[in-house]
Amino acid sequence: MVNFKVDDLSEMNERLRAFAEFLRGESVTEDDVFASRIVSCELISNVIIHGGGAADFRGELLADAIKIEVKAAGFEGVDICPPLPDVLAENGRGMYIVRSICTLVEKTDTGIRVVIKRG
């Protein structure tokens, strides 16, 4: 399991590197490491950019899945099922990407929990 707090996008990549290395150390496939990276970046970015706050990240490896939880005060206003954005829109695709990759996406009292089924 990997836990960290981040409040600046410039710190996000370094923090997520530790999670990727944890997954690789547990023999997770590169496809699944990549998927977890995309999902984690989208969730953390949503908190920092749209909520203006810090994100508490927790990533763990289950028997057949990767569970990621991001908690933050800034998640109250995040719509986890927004309408599909225009194909030429500059932004707005993050939660669509997350829902496309994850087998479970649920809002919690303090954030969001997602599950990526390991391939």
Foldseek 3Di string as FASTA:
>chain_A
DAKDKDQDPVCVVVSLVVVLVVCVVVVADPVQSVLVVLLVSLQQCCCNVQQVGMWIWDWDDDPFKIKIWIFDPRAPPDDLDDPDDDPPDPDDCSSVSQVVQFPDWDADPGTIMTIGGGD
